Amino acid sequence: MTRLFQAARKALLEVLEGMSQADPARSFPSHWAPESTPCGWACVCLAHDREHAQGLRGMHSEKPRGA
């Protein structure tokens, strides 16, 4: 799982490195809104990832049944 996370982040960084300064504000049609921007997309994805991380932390901190 860690390898998949690292590969996804590496791919994201490669895309970001290829973007101009103006690209993050460029509008495009998205699934969740009529228009979005790469910056807006990143905020949605990072918030979603944070929710998953909180869930994983909760699972990790729970004691196994019968312990």
N, C-alpha and C. Protein backbone atom coordinates (compact mmCIF):
# COMPACT_ATOMS: atom_id res chain seq x y z
N MET A 1 0.82 -1.18 0.00
CA MET A 1 0.00 0.00 0.00
C MET A 1 0.87 1.25 0.00
N THR A 2 1.94 1.21 0.77
CA THR A 2 2.83 2.36 0.81
C THR A 2 3.44 2.63 -0.56
N ARG A 3 3.79 1.57 -1.29
CA ARG A 3 4.37 1.76 -2.63
C ARG A 3 3.37 2.43 -3.56
N LEU A 4 2.10 2.05 -3.48
CA LEU A 4 1.08 2.67 -4.33
C LEU A 4 0.93 4.15 -3.99
N PHE A 5 0.92 4.47 -2.70
CA PHE A 5 0.81 5.86 -2.26
C PHE A 5 2.00 6.67 -2.77
N GLN A 6 3.19 6.13 -2.62
CA GLN A 6 4.40 6.83 -3.07
C GLN A 6 4.41 6.99 -4.59
N ALA A 7 3.96 5.99 -5.33
CA ALA A 7 3.92 6.08 -6.79
C ALA A 7 2.92 7.14 -7.23
N ALA A 8 1.77 7.21 -6.57
CA ALA A 8 0.76 8.22 -6.92
C ALA A 8 1.29 9.61 -6.64
N ARG A 9 1.94 9.80 -5.52
CA ARG A 9 2.49 11.12 -5.19
C ARG A 9 3.62 11.50 -6.14
N LYS A 10 4.43 10.54 -6.54
CA LYS A 10 5.52 10.80 -7.49
C LYS A 10 4.93 11.25 -8.84
N ALA A 11 3.88 10.56 -9.28
CA ALA A 11 3.23 10.93 -10.54
C ALA A 11 2.63 12.33 -10.46
N LEU A 12 2.01 12.66 -9.32
CA LEU A 12 1.45 14.00 -9.14
C LEU A 12 2.55 15.06 -9.20
N LEU A 13 3.65 14.82 -8.54
CA LEU A 13 4.76 15.78 -8.57
C LEU A 13 5.30 15.96 -9.98
N GLU A 14 5.38 14.90 -10.75
CA GLU A 14 5.85 15.01 -12.12
C GLU A 14 4.92 15.89 -12.95
N VAL A 15 3.62 15.73 -12.76
CA VAL A 15 2.65 16.57 -13.48
C VAL A 15 2.80 18.02 -13.05
N LEU A 16 2.89 18.24 -11.75
CA LEU A 16 3.01 19.61 -11.24
C LEU A 16 4.28 20.29 -11.74
N GLU A 17 5.36 19.56 -11.82
CA GLU A 17 6.62 20.13 -12.30
C GLU A 17 6.52 20.56 -13.75
N GLY A 18 5.65 19.92 -14.53
CA GLY A 18 5.48 20.27 -15.94
C GLY A 18 4.50 21.40 -16.19
N MET A 19 3.86 21.89 -15.14
CA MET A 19 2.86 22.95 -15.30
C MET A 19 3.50 24.33 -15.25
N SER A 20 2.92 25.24 -16.01
CA SER A 20 3.36 26.64 -15.92
C SER A 20 2.74 27.28 -14.69
N GLN A 21 3.13 28.49 -14.38
CA GLN A 21 2.57 29.22 -13.24
C GLN A 21 1.08 29.50 -13.44
N ALA A 22 0.64 29.64 -14.68
CA ALA A 22 -0.76 29.96 -14.97
C ALA A 22 -1.66 28.72 -14.99
N ASP A 23 -1.08 27.55 -15.23
CA ASP A 23 -1.88 26.33 -15.37
C ASP A 23 -2.77 26.00 -14.17
N PRO A 24 -2.33 26.17 -12.91
CA PRO A 24 -3.20 25.80 -11.79
C PRO A 24 -4.52 26.57 -11.73
N ALA A 25 -4.58 27.72 -12.37
CA ALA A 25 -5.81 28.52 -12.36
C ALA A 25 -6.65 28.32 -13.61
N ARG A 26 -6.18 27.51 -14.55
CA ARG A 26 -6.92 27.29 -15.80
C ARG A 26 -8.17 26.46 -15.54
N SER A 27 -9.28 26.89 -16.07
CA SER A 27 -10.57 26.25 -15.83
C SER A 27 -10.77 25.05 -16.77
N PHE A 28 -11.48 24.02 -16.25
CA PHE A 28 -11.84 22.86 -17.07
C PHE A 28 -13.13 22.26 -16.51
N PRO A 29 -13.91 21.54 -17.33
CA PRO A 29 -15.11 20.89 -16.80
C PRO A 29 -14.72 19.71 -15.91
N SER A 30 -15.45 19.53 -14.82
CA SER A 30 -15.11 18.44 -13.90
C SER A 30 -16.35 17.62 -13.57
N HIS A 31 -16.14 16.52 -12.85
CA HIS A 31 -17.24 15.64 -12.47
C HIS A 31 -18.09 16.23 -11.36
N TRP A 32 -17.50 17.05 -10.49
CA TRP A 32 -18.21 17.54 -9.31
C TRP A 32 -18.73 18.97 -9.47
N ALA A 33 -18.35 19.65 -10.55
CA ALA A 33 -18.82 21.03 -10.76
C ALA A 33 -18.75 21.33 -12.26
N PRO A 34 -19.54 22.29 -12.72
CA PRO A 34 -19.48 22.63 -14.15
C PRO A 34 -18.07 23.05 -14.58
N GLU A 35 -17.37 23.74 -13.69
CA GLU A 35 -15.99 24.13 -13.96
C GLU A 35 -15.16 24.00 -12.70
N SER A 36 -13.91 23.67 -12.88
CA SER A 36 -12.97 23.60 -11.77
C SER A 36 -11.60 24.03 -12.29
N THR A 37 -10.63 24.00 -11.42
CA THR A 37 -9.25 24.32 -11.79
C THR A 37 -8.37 23.21 -11.24
N PRO A 38 -7.15 23.06 -11.75
CA PRO A 38 -6.24 22.08 -11.15
C PRO A 38 -6.04 22.32 -9.65
N CYS A 39 -6.01 23.58 -9.25
CA CYS A 39 -5.85 23.89 -7.83
C CYS A 39 -7.07 23.41 -7.04
N GLY A 40 -8.26 23.65 -7.58
CA GLY A 40 -9.48 23.18 -6.93
C GLY A 40 -9.54 21.67 -6.86
N TRP A 41 -9.15 21.02 -7.96
CA TRP A 41 -9.11 19.56 -8.01
C TRP A 41 -8.17 19.02 -6.92
N ALA A 42 -6.99 19.64 -6.81
CA ALA A 42 -6.01 19.19 -5.80
C ALA A 42 -6.58 19.34 -4.40
N CYS A 43 -7.28 20.44 -4.13
CA CYS A 43 -7.87 20.63 -2.80
C CYS A 43 -8.90 19.55 -2.49
N VAL A 44 -9.74 19.21 -3.47
CA VAL A 44 -10.74 18.15 -3.27
C VAL A 44 -10.04 16.82 -3.00
N CYS A 45 -9.05 16.49 -3.81
CA CYS A 45 -8.35 15.21 -3.65
C CYS A 45 -7.60 15.13 -2.33
N LEU A 46 -6.94 16.21 -1.96
CA LEU A 46 -6.19 16.19 -0.70
C LEU A 46 -7.12 16.07 0.50
N ALA A 47 -8.26 16.74 0.46
CA ALA A 47 -9.23 16.61 1.55
C ALA A 47 -9.75 15.17 1.62
N HIS A 48 -10.00 14.58 0.46
CA HIS A 48 -10.46 13.19 0.40
C HIS A 48 -9.40 12.24 0.97
N ASP A 49 -8.15 12.46 0.58
CA ASP A 49 -7.05 11.63 1.11
C ASP A 49 -6.93 11.79 2.62
N ARG A 50 -7.12 13.02 3.11
CA ARG A 50 -7.03 13.26 4.55
C ARG A 50 -8.13 12.49 5.29
N GLU A 51 -9.33 12.43 4.71
CA GLU A 51 -10.40 11.65 5.33
C GLU A 51 -10.02 10.17 5.42
N HIS A 52 -9.42 9.65 4.36
CA HIS A 52 -8.98 8.25 4.39
C HIS A 52 -7.89 8.05 5.44
N ALA A 53 -6.97 8.99 5.55
CA ALA A 53 -5.90 8.87 6.54
C ALA A 53 -6.46 8.86 7.95
N GLN A 54 -7.46 9.70 8.20
CA GLN A 54 -8.08 9.72 9.53
C GLN A 54 -8.75 8.38 9.81
N GLY A 55 -9.41 7.81 8.82
CA GLY A 55 -10.03 6.50 8.99
C GLY A 55 -9.01 5.42 9.29
N LEU A 56 -7.89 5.47 8.57
CA LEU A 56 -6.84 4.47 8.82
C LEU A 56 -6.24 4.63 10.21
N ARG A 57 -6.06 5.88 10.63
CA ARG A 57 -5.54 6.11 11.98
C ARG A 57 -6.50 5.54 13.01
N GLY A 58 -7.80 5.75 12.80
CA GLY A 58 -8.79 5.22 13.72
C GLY A 58 -8.76 3.71 13.77
N MET A 59 -8.60 3.08 12.62
CA MET A 59 -8.53 1.62 12.58
C MET A 59 -7.27 1.12 13.29
N HIS A 60 -6.19 1.85 13.12
CA HIS A 60 -4.91 1.46 13.72
C HIS A 60 -4.96 1.58 15.24
N SER A 61 -5.69 2.59 15.72
CA SER A 61 -5.71 2.82 17.18
C SER A 61 -6.71 1.94 17.90
N GLU A 62 -7.64 1.32 17.17
CA GLU A 62 -8.62 0.45 17.81
C GLU A 62 -7.96 -0.83 18.28
N LYS A 63 -8.39 -1.30 19.43
CA LYS A 63 -7.87 -2.57 19.95
C LYS A 63 -8.56 -3.71 19.23
N PRO A 64 -7.82 -4.77 18.92
CA PRO A 64 -8.47 -5.95 18.32
C PRO A 64 -9.51 -6.53 19.27
N ARG A 65 -10.55 -7.13 18.70
CA ARG A 65 -11.59 -7.75 19.52
C ARG A 65 -10.99 -8.89 20.35
N GLY A 66 -11.40 -8.96 21.59
CA GLY A 66 -10.93 -10.02 22.48
C GLY A 66 -9.60 -9.69 23.14
N ALA A 67 -9.06 -8.50 22.88
CA ALA A 67 -7.77 -8.15 23.48
C ALA A 67 -7.96 -7.54 24.85
